[in-house]
Amino acid sequence: MEYKLKEEGDFKYIDEGKGEVLLLLHGLFGALSNWNGVINAFSPHYRIIIPLMPIYEMPLREAGVPGLTAFIEKFVHLKQLDNFTLLGNSLGGHIALVYTLNNISRVKRLVLTGSSGLFEDSMGSTFPKRGNYGYIKERVEFTFYDPQTATKELVDEVFSITNSNSKVLRIIAMAKSAQRHNMTKDITRITVPTCLIWGLNDTITPPHVAHEFNRLIKNSELHFVDKCSHAPMMEQPEVFNKYLHKFLERNP
């Protein structure tokens, strides 16, 4: 199902349902549609908000973890959100971590899936092979346990991004920023209830990364999803939603 993209000021976002807010952050090559399974399952009982992060449009000097965190802070201020649950996948998880540390009183719960922040074998390290569709297809498929998840539409979209000079420069800047902003020393300060939902077959942020997050965030629980790689909410939406639902119920 396609959801309506709303626009307000400099922001584009999805806003579906009513009730307690779940704020969802996508990753580097992510799209709002990555979260469709969560919207479908939770919008009857929660308000689901997904801002489109300006990864490819923001000024190059701001292209990084601090710049995206500031963008989310402005968005939260605009929408007057408070006491919400923050979910992040991949780079979105990294932004969620930094946001939570900077705005601890606003975040009620934290959910991370395939999050960067401790270690990542990012696409940025092998970028770019301009014009090589086969290589891009291989890298996109590498993101998922089942290569069929990498639809032609998705591969075409990533291929188009990688053939834009300005977008590639921002991707490289984002990837380097994520690697520079290692969170090991900081995340021990996170005290909100945290749920880690991780692909057992994640090749980008492998399972040992999830165990490390679990060790460092004291009030955290860890769930692995079998036959799943870097995007559990896309690859195994029913399993992801089951863990998310139980976590929300246990931490009212």
C-alpha atoms as a PDB file:
ATOM      1  CA  MET A   1       0.000   0.000   0.000  1.00  0.00           C
ATOM      2  CA  GLU A   2       1.206   3.505  -0.866  1.00  0.00           C
ATOM      3  CA  TYR A   3       0.971   6.093   1.892  1.00  0.00           C
ATOM      4  CA  LYS A   4       0.510   9.817   1.318  1.00  0.00           C
ATOM      5  CA  LEU A   5       3.652  11.928   1.598  1.00  0.00           C
ATOM      6  CA  LYS A   6       2.938  15.160   3.468  1.00  0.00           C
ATOM      7  CA  GLU A   7       4.983  18.347   3.150  1.00  0.00           C
ATOM      8  CA  GLU A   8       5.523  21.051   5.745  1.00  0.00           C
ATOM      9  CA  GLY A   9       8.324  23.596   5.474  1.00  0.00           C
ATOM     10  CA  ASP A  10      11.537  21.759   4.584  1.00  0.00           C
ATOM     11  CA  PHE A  11      10.119  18.396   5.627  1.00  0.00           C
ATOM     12  CA  LYS A  12       8.463  15.517   3.774  1.00  0.00           C
ATOM     13  CA  TYR A  13       7.000  12.745   5.881  1.00  0.00           C
ATOM     14  CA  ILE A  14       4.389  10.041   6.324  1.00  0.00           C
ATOM     15  CA  ASP A  15       1.948  10.505   9.223  1.00  0.00           C
ATOM     16  CA  GLU A  16      -0.567   7.679   9.659  1.00  0.00           C
ATOM     17  CA  GLY A  17      -2.849   6.638  12.509  1.00  0.00           C
ATOM     18  CA  LYS A  18      -3.625   8.171  15.892  1.00  0.00           C
ATOM     19  CA  GLY A  19      -2.324   7.566  19.393  1.00  0.00           C
ATOM     20  CA  GLU A  20       1.101   7.182  20.901  1.00  0.00           C
ATOM     21  CA  VAL A  21       3.849   8.170  18.448  1.00  0.00           C
ATOM     22  CA  LEU A  22       6.299   5.760  16.821  1.00  0.00           C
ATOM     23  CA  LEU A  23       8.940   7.829  14.981  1.00  0.00           C
ATOM     24  CA  LEU A  24      10.729   5.723  12.333  1.00  0.00           C
ATOM     25  CA  LEU A  25      14.114   6.543  10.758  1.00  0.00           C
ATOM     26  CA  HIS A  26      15.306   4.916   7.528  1.00  0.00           C
ATOM     27  CA  GLY A  27      18.901   4.149   6.526  1.00  0.00           C
ATOM     28  CA  LEU A  28      21.417   5.329   3.926  1.00  0.00           C
ATOM     29  CA  PHE A  29      19.783   3.689   0.904  1.00  0.00           C
ATOM     30  CA  GLY A  30      16.496   3.386   2.727  1.00  0.00           C
ATOM     31  CA  ALA A  31      13.101   4.621   1.662  1.00  0.00           C
ATOM     32  CA  LEU A  32       9.927   5.344   3.590  1.00  0.00           C
ATOM     33  CA  SER A  33       8.409   2.198   2.047  1.00  0.00           C
ATOM     34  CA  ASN A  34      10.939   0.104   4.028  1.00  0.00           C
ATOM     35  CA  TRP A  35       8.595   0.603   6.995  1.00  0.00           C
ATOM     36  CA  ASN A  36       5.324  -0.348   5.240  1.00  0.00           C
ATOM     37  CA  GLY A  37       5.007  -3.542   7.301  1.00  0.00           C
ATOM     38  CA  VAL A  38       5.173  -1.513  10.521  1.00  0.00           C
ATOM     39  CA  ILE A  39       2.664   1.073   9.255  1.00  0.00           C
ATOM     40  CA  ASN A  40       0.220  -1.657   8.216  1.00  0.00           C
ATOM     41  CA  ALA A  41       0.420  -3.464  11.561  1.00  0.00           C
ATOM     42  CA  PHE A  42       0.639  -0.558  14.012  1.00  0.00           C
ATOM     43  CA  SER A  43      -1.247   2.427  12.523  1.00  0.00           C
ATOM     44  CA  PRO A  44      -4.614   1.153  13.850  1.00  0.00           C
ATOM     45  CA  HIS A  45      -3.345   1.724  17.415  1.00  0.00           C
ATOM     46  CA  TYR A  46      -0.364   4.093  17.099  1.00  0.00           C
ATOM     47  CA  ARG A  47       0.538   7.257  15.218  1.00  0.00           C
ATOM     48  CA  ILE A  48       3.341   6.319  12.801  1.00  0.00           C
ATOM     49  CA  ILE A  49       5.565   9.187  11.631  1.00  0.00           C
ATOM     50  CA  ILE A  50       8.389   8.667   9.119  1.00  0.00           C
ATOM     51  CA  PRO A  51      10.417  11.715   8.036  1.00  0.00           C
ATOM     52  CA  LEU A  52      12.244  11.518   4.714  1.00  0.00           C
ATOM     53  CA  MET A  53      15.850  12.274   5.618  1.00  0.00           C
ATOM     54  CA  PRO A  54      17.588  14.620   3.120  1.00  0.00           C
ATOM     55  CA  ILE A  55      20.573  12.312   2.653  1.00  0.00           C
ATOM     56  CA  TYR A  56      21.111  13.250  -1.005  1.00  0.00           C
ATOM     57  CA  GLU A  57      20.069  16.913  -0.863  1.00  0.00           C
ATOM     58  CA  MET A  58      21.634  18.392   2.266  1.00  0.00           C
ATOM     59  CA  PRO A  59      24.694  20.679   1.946  1.00  0.00           C
ATOM     60  CA  LEU A  60      27.843  18.569   1.669  1.00  0.00           C
ATOM     61  CA  ARG A  61      29.400  20.171   4.763  1.00  0.00           C
ATOM     62  CA  GLU A  62      26.365  18.995   6.788  1.00  0.00           C
ATOM     63  CA  ALA A  63      26.224  15.492   5.271  1.00  0.00           C
ATOM     64  CA  GLY A  64      26.869  13.301   8.283  1.00  0.00           C
ATOM     65  CA  VAL A  65      25.552  12.007  11.587  1.00  0.00           C
ATOM     66  CA  PRO A  66      25.440  15.436  13.341  1.00  0.00           C
ATOM     67  CA  GLY A  67      23.683  17.070  10.354  1.00  0.00           C
ATOM     68  CA  LEU A  68      20.990  14.390  10.160  1.00  0.00           C
ATOM     69  CA  THR A  69      20.507  14.435  13.937  1.00  0.00           C
ATOM     70  CA  ALA A  70      19.967  18.214  13.794  1.00  0.00           C
ATOM     71  CA  PHE A  71      17.442  17.663  10.975  1.00  0.00           C
ATOM     72  CA  ILE A  72      15.457  15.202  13.135  1.00  0.00           C
ATOM     73  CA  GLU A  73      15.620  17.586  16.119  1.00  0.00           C
ATOM     74  CA  LYS A  74      14.095  20.358  13.960  1.00  0.00           C
ATOM     75  CA  PHE A  75      11.412  17.966  12.684  1.00  0.00           C
ATOM     76  CA  VAL A  76      10.473  16.835  16.211  1.00  0.00           C
ATOM     77  CA  HIS A  77      10.284  20.491  17.296  1.00  0.00           C
ATOM     78  CA  LEU A  78       8.074  21.386  14.304  1.00  0.00           C
ATOM     79  CA  LYS A  79       5.666  18.508  14.990  1.00  0.00           C
ATOM     80  CA  GLN A  80       5.810  19.140  18.768  1.00  0.00           C
ATOM     81  CA  LEU A  81       6.486  15.471  19.515  1.00  0.00           C
ATOM     82  CA  ASP A  82       7.242  14.282  23.024  1.00  0.00           C
ATOM     83  CA  ASN A  83       7.427  11.021  24.950  1.00  0.00           C
ATOM     84  CA  PHE A  84       7.631   8.952  21.748  1.00  0.00           C
ATOM     85  CA  THR A  85       9.192   5.642  20.714  1.00  0.00           C
ATOM     86  CA  LEU A  86      12.132   6.059  18.325  1.00  0.00           C
ATOM     87  CA  LEU A  87      12.955   3.297  15.810  1.00  0.00           C
ATOM     88  CA  GLY A  88      15.963   3.270  13.499  1.00  0.00           C
ATOM     89  CA  ASN A  89      17.378   0.950  10.853  1.00  0.00           C
ATOM     90  CA  SER A  90      21.031   1.031   9.769  1.00  0.00           C
ATOM     91  CA  LEU A  91      22.168   4.700   9.617  1.00  0.00           C
ATOM     92  CA  GLY A  92      18.721   5.609  10.986  1.00  0.00           C
ATOM     93  CA  GLY A  93      19.595   3.609  14.111  1.00  0.00           C
ATOM     94  CA  HIS A  94      22.791   5.615  14.478  1.00  0.00           C
ATOM     95  CA  ILE A  95      20.808   8.876  14.246  1.00  0.00           C
ATOM     96  CA  ALA A  96      18.312   7.471  16.776  1.00  0.00           C
ATOM     97  CA  LEU A  97      21.151   6.751  19.229  1.00  0.00           C
ATOM     98  CA  VAL A  98      22.634  10.252  18.961  1.00  0.00           C
ATOM     99  CA  TYR A  99      19.186  11.866  19.129  1.00  0.00           C
ATOM    100  CA  THR A 100      18.323   9.873  22.263  1.00  0.00           C
ATOM    101  CA  LEU A 101      21.551  10.888  23.992  1.00  0.00           C
ATOM    102  CA  ASN A 102      20.929  14.559  23.139  1.00  0.00           C
ATOM    103  CA  ASN A 103      17.196  14.492  23.992  1.00  0.00           C
ATOM    104  CA  ILE A 104      16.846  11.841  26.679  1.00  0.00           C
ATOM    105  CA  SER A 105      13.688  13.374  28.178  1.00  0.00           C
ATOM    106  CA  ARG A 106      11.743  13.129  24.890  1.00  0.00           C
ATOM    107  CA  VAL A 107      12.400   9.461  24.051  1.00  0.00           C
ATOM    108  CA  LYS A 108      10.225   6.919  25.863  1.00  0.00           C
ATOM    109  CA  ARG A 109      11.598   3.786  24.202  1.00  0.00           C
ATOM    110  CA  LEU A 110      14.278   2.985  21.614  1.00  0.00           C
ATOM    111  CA  VAL A 111      14.212   0.257  18.938  1.00  0.00           C
ATOM    112  CA  LEU A 112      17.296  -0.518  16.848  1.00  0.00           C
ATOM    113  CA  THR A 113      17.565  -2.896  13.905  1.00  0.00           C
ATOM    114  CA  GLY A 114      20.791  -3.380  11.949  1.00  0.00           C
ATOM    115  CA  SER A 115      22.011  -0.135  13.510  1.00  0.00           C
ATOM    116  CA  SER A 116      25.333   1.469  12.738  1.00  0.00           C
ATOM    117  CA  GLY A 117      27.190   3.184  15.552  1.00  0.00           C
ATOM    118  CA  LEU A 118      29.594   0.469  16.693  1.00  0.00           C
ATOM    119  CA  PHE A 119      30.734  -1.287  13.534  1.00  0.00           C
ATOM    120  CA  GLU A 120      29.647  -1.453   9.924  1.00  0.00           C
ATOM    121  CA  ASP A 121      30.889  -2.897   6.668  1.00  0.00           C
ATOM    122  CA  SER A 122      29.235  -0.083   4.776  1.00  0.00           C
ATOM    123  CA  MET A 123      28.849   0.312   1.030  1.00  0.00           C
ATOM    124  CA  GLY A 124      30.800   3.533   1.404  1.00  0.00           C
ATOM    125  CA  SER A 125      34.053   1.610   1.802  1.00  0.00           C
ATOM    126  CA  THR A 126      33.827   0.111  -1.703  1.00  0.00           C
ATOM    127  CA  PHE A 127      32.270   3.055  -3.503  1.00  0.00           C
ATOM    128  CA  PRO A 128      31.768   3.820  -6.270  1.00  0.00           C
ATOM    129  CA  LYS A 129      31.852   1.649  -9.376  1.00  0.00           C
ATOM    130  CA  ARG A 130      30.120   4.073 -11.697  1.00  0.00           C
ATOM    131  CA  GLY A 131      27.867   2.634 -14.323  1.00  0.00           C
ATOM    132  CA  ASN A 132      28.315  -0.994 -13.238  1.00  0.00           C
ATOM    133  CA  TYR A 133      24.755  -2.290 -12.854  1.00  0.00           C
ATOM    134  CA  GLY A 134      25.847  -5.848 -12.057  1.00  0.00           C
ATOM    135  CA  TYR A 135      28.013  -4.662  -9.164  1.00  0.00           C
ATOM    136  CA  ILE A 136      25.237  -2.486  -7.714  1.00  0.00           C
ATOM    137  CA  LYS A 137      22.751  -5.362  -8.035  1.00  0.00           C
ATOM    138  CA  GLU A 138      25.185  -7.637  -6.171  1.00  0.00           C
ATOM    139  CA  ARG A 139      25.679  -5.089  -3.374  1.00  0.00           C
ATOM    140  CA  VAL A 140      21.937  -4.490  -2.959  1.00  0.00           C
ATOM    141  CA  GLU A 141      21.286  -8.256  -2.863  1.00  0.00           C
ATOM    142  CA  PHE A 142      24.062  -8.559  -0.254  1.00  0.00           C
ATOM    143  CA  THR A 143      21.896  -6.419   2.043  1.00  0.00           C
ATOM    144  CA  PHE A 144      19.211  -9.129   2.232  1.00  0.00           C
ATOM    145  CA  TYR A 145      19.183 -12.820   3.172  1.00  0.00           C
ATOM    146  CA  ASP A 146      16.942 -13.617   0.198  1.00  0.00           C
ATOM    147  CA  PRO A 147      18.306 -11.885  -2.945  1.00  0.00           C
ATOM    148  CA  GLN A 148      14.725 -11.776  -4.289  1.00  0.00           C
ATOM    149  CA  THR A 149      14.032  -9.005  -1.746  1.00  0.00           C
ATOM    150  CA  ALA A 150      16.254  -6.803  -3.927  1.00  0.00           C
ATOM    151  CA  THR A 151      13.584  -6.085  -6.533  1.00  0.00           C
ATOM    152  CA  LYS A 152      14.516  -4.594  -9.903  1.00  0.00           C
ATOM    153  CA  GLU A 153      12.797  -1.378  -8.794  1.00  0.00           C
ATOM    154  CA  LEU A 154      15.054  -1.181  -5.718  1.00  0.00           C
ATOM    155  CA  VAL A 155      18.242  -1.988  -7.679  1.00  0.00           C
ATOM    156  CA  ASP A 156      17.288   0.581 -10.340  1.00  0.00           C
ATOM    157  CA  GLU A 157      16.785   3.213  -7.638  1.00  0.00           C
ATOM    158  CA  VAL A 158      20.184   2.555  -6.033  1.00  0.00           C
ATOM    159  CA  PHE A 159      21.832   2.423  -9.489  1.00  0.00           C
ATOM    160  CA  SER A 160      20.327   5.812 -10.324  1.00  0.00           C
ATOM    161  CA  ILE A 161      21.617   7.268  -7.033  1.00  0.00           C
ATOM    162  CA  THR A 162      25.131   5.923  -7.634  1.00  0.00           C
ATOM    163  CA  ASN A 163      25.246   7.559 -11.067  1.00  0.00           C
ATOM    164  CA  SER A 164      24.735  11.019  -9.614  1.00  0.00           C
ATOM    165  CA  ASN A 165      28.003  12.723  -8.652  1.00  0.00           C
ATOM    166  CA  SER A 166      26.416  14.916  -5.995  1.00  0.00           C
ATOM    167  CA  LYS A 167      24.570  11.979  -4.396  1.00  0.00           C
ATOM    168  CA  VAL A 168      27.663   9.753  -4.365  1.00  0.00           C
ATOM    169  CA  LEU A 169      29.673  12.495  -2.628  1.00  0.00           C
ATOM    170  CA  ARG A 170      27.015  12.696   0.087  1.00  0.00           C
ATOM    171  CA  ILE A 171      26.820   8.904   0.485  1.00  0.00           C
ATOM    172  CA  ILE A 172      30.598   8.731   0.968  1.00  0.00           C
ATOM    173  CA  ALA A 173      30.458  11.632   3.451  1.00  0.00           C
ATOM    174  CA  MET A 174      27.629   9.909   5.380  1.00  0.00           C
ATOM    175  CA  ALA A 175      29.418   6.546   5.459  1.00  0.00           C
ATOM    176  CA  LYS A 176      32.668   8.130   6.671  1.00  0.00           C
ATOM    177  CA  SER A 177      30.804  10.165   9.276  1.00  0.00           C
ATOM    178  CA  ALA A 178      29.085   7.012  10.578  1.00  0.00           C
ATOM    179  CA  GLN A 179      32.460   5.280  10.895  1.00  0.00           C
ATOM    180  CA  ARG A 180      33.975   8.310  12.664  1.00  0.00           C
ATOM    181  CA  HIS A 181      31.101   8.652  15.131  1.00  0.00           C
ATOM    182  CA  ASN A 182      31.679   5.441  17.057  1.00  0.00           C
ATOM    183  CA  MET A 183      29.236   5.278  19.963  1.00  0.00           C
ATOM    184  CA  THR A 184      30.991   2.745  22.221  1.00  0.00           C
ATOM    185  CA  LYS A 185      31.811   5.227  25.009  1.00  0.00           C
ATOM    186  CA  ASP A 186      28.541   7.136  24.829  1.00  0.00           C
ATOM    187  CA  ILE A 187      25.753   4.575  24.637  1.00  0.00           C
ATOM    188  CA  THR A 188      26.324   3.302  28.161  1.00  0.00           C
ATOM    189  CA  ARG A 189      24.450   6.517  29.140  1.00  0.00           C
ATOM    190  CA  ILE A 190      21.250   5.342  27.422  1.00  0.00           C
ATOM    191  CA  THR A 191      18.778   4.228  30.080  1.00  0.00           C
ATOM    192  CA  VAL A 192      15.433   4.113  28.219  1.00  0.00           C
ATOM    193  CA  PRO A 193      13.969   0.653  27.515  1.00  0.00           C
ATOM    194  CA  THR A 194      15.673  -0.508  24.310  1.00  0.00           C
ATOM    195  CA  CYS A 195      14.742  -3.333  21.949  1.00  0.00           C
ATOM    196  CA  LEU A 196      17.328  -4.745  19.530  1.00  0.00           C
ATOM    197  CA  ILE A 197      15.770  -6.707  16.648  1.00  0.00           C
ATOM    198  CA  TRP A 198      18.542  -8.155  14.510  1.00  0.00           C
ATOM    199  CA  GLY A 199      18.926 -10.312  11.434  1.00  0.00           C
ATOM    200  CA  LEU A 200      20.783 -13.488  12.368  1.00  0.00           C
ATOM    201  CA  ASN A 201      22.377 -13.390   8.916  1.00  0.00           C
ATOM    202  CA  ASP A 202      23.208  -9.663   8.852  1.00  0.00           C
ATOM    203  CA  THR A 203      26.349  -9.178   6.746  1.00  0.00           C
ATOM    204  CA  ILE A 204      26.671  -5.409   7.270  1.00  0.00           C
ATOM    205  CA  THR A 205      26.216  -5.175  11.053  1.00  0.00           C
ATOM    206  CA  PRO A 206      26.795  -8.840  12.027  1.00  0.00           C
ATOM    207  CA  PRO A 207      25.249 -10.512  15.112  1.00  0.00           C
ATOM    208  CA  HIS A 208      28.294  -9.760  17.296  1.00  0.00           C
ATOM    209  CA  VAL A 209      27.419  -6.060  16.865  1.00  0.00           C
ATOM    210  CA  ALA A 210      23.956  -6.732  18.295  1.00  0.00           C
ATOM    211  CA  HIS A 211      25.500  -8.535  21.270  1.00  0.00           C
ATOM    212  CA  GLU A 212      27.771  -5.529  21.849  1.00  0.00           C
ATOM    213  CA  PHE A 213      24.812  -3.117  21.774  1.00  0.00           C
ATOM    214  CA  ASN A 214      23.025  -5.423  24.219  1.00  0.00           C
ATOM    215  CA  ARG A 215      26.052  -5.415  26.534  1.00  0.00           C
ATOM    216  CA  LEU A 216      26.532  -1.637  26.428  1.00  0.00           C
ATOM    217  CA  ILE A 217      22.873  -0.540  26.733  1.00  0.00           C
ATOM    218  CA  LYS A 218      21.919  -1.749  30.189  1.00  0.00           C
ATOM    219  CA  ASN A 219      18.132  -1.638  29.831  1.00  0.00           C
ATOM    220  CA  SER A 220      18.075  -3.543  26.516  1.00  0.00           C
ATOM    221  CA  GLU A 221      16.689  -6.802  25.171  1.00  0.00           C
ATOM    222  CA  LEU A 222      17.951  -8.620  22.069  1.00  0.00           C
ATOM    223  CA  HIS A 223      15.973 -10.706  19.571  1.00  0.00           C
ATOM    224  CA  PHE A 224      17.431 -12.414  16.507  1.00  0.00           C
ATOM    225  CA  VAL A 225      15.419 -13.061  13.352  1.00  0.00           C
ATOM    226  CA  ASP A 226      16.453 -16.166  11.407  1.00  0.00           C
ATOM    227  CA  LYS A 227      16.859 -16.153   7.604  1.00  0.00           C
ATOM    228  CA  CYS A 228      17.173 -12.392   7.770  1.00  0.00           C
ATOM    229  CA  SER A 229      19.954  -9.901   7.099  1.00  0.00           C
ATOM    230  CA  HIS A 230      20.179  -6.097   7.452  1.00  0.00           C
ATOM    231  CA  ALA A 231      16.509  -5.018   7.216  1.00  0.00           C
ATOM    232  CA  PRO A 232      14.287  -7.269   9.399  1.00  0.00           C
ATOM    233  CA  MET A 233      11.250  -4.990   9.089  1.00  0.00           C
ATOM    234  CA  MET A 234      11.333  -5.554   5.296  1.00  0.00           C
ATOM    235  CA  GLU A 235      12.598  -9.139   5.131  1.00  0.00           C
ATOM    236  CA  GLN A 236      10.584 -10.709   7.962  1.00  0.00           C
ATOM    237  CA  PRO A 237       7.896  -8.121   8.804  1.00  0.00           C
ATOM    238  CA  GLU A 238       5.637 -10.488  10.762  1.00  0.00           C
ATOM    239  CA  VAL A 239       8.458 -11.626  13.063  1.00  0.00           C
ATOM    240  CA  PHE A 240       9.750  -8.056  13.443  1.00  0.00           C
ATOM    241  CA  ASN A 241       6.257  -6.791  14.310  1.00  0.00           C
ATOM    242  CA  LYS A 242       5.733  -9.586  16.849  1.00  0.00           C
ATOM    243  CA  TYR A 243       8.893  -8.603  18.763  1.00  0.00           C
ATOM    244  CA  LEU A 244       8.035  -4.907  18.496  1.00  0.00           C
ATOM    245  CA  HIS A 245       4.471  -5.445  19.723  1.00  0.00           C
ATOM    246  CA  LYS A 246       5.617  -7.476  22.749  1.00  0.00           C
ATOM    247  CA  PHE A 247       8.253  -4.858  23.610  1.00  0.00           C
ATOM    248  CA  LEU A 248       5.720  -2.010  23.469  1.00  0.00           C
ATOM    249  CA  GLU A 249       3.276  -4.008  25.626  1.00  0.00           C
ATOM    250  CA  ARG A 250       5.952  -4.843  28.213  1.00  0.00           C
ATOM    251  CA  ASN A 251       7.079  -1.216  28.498  1.00  0.00           C
ATOM    252  CA  PRO A 252       3.856   0.832  28.637  1.00  0.00           C
END
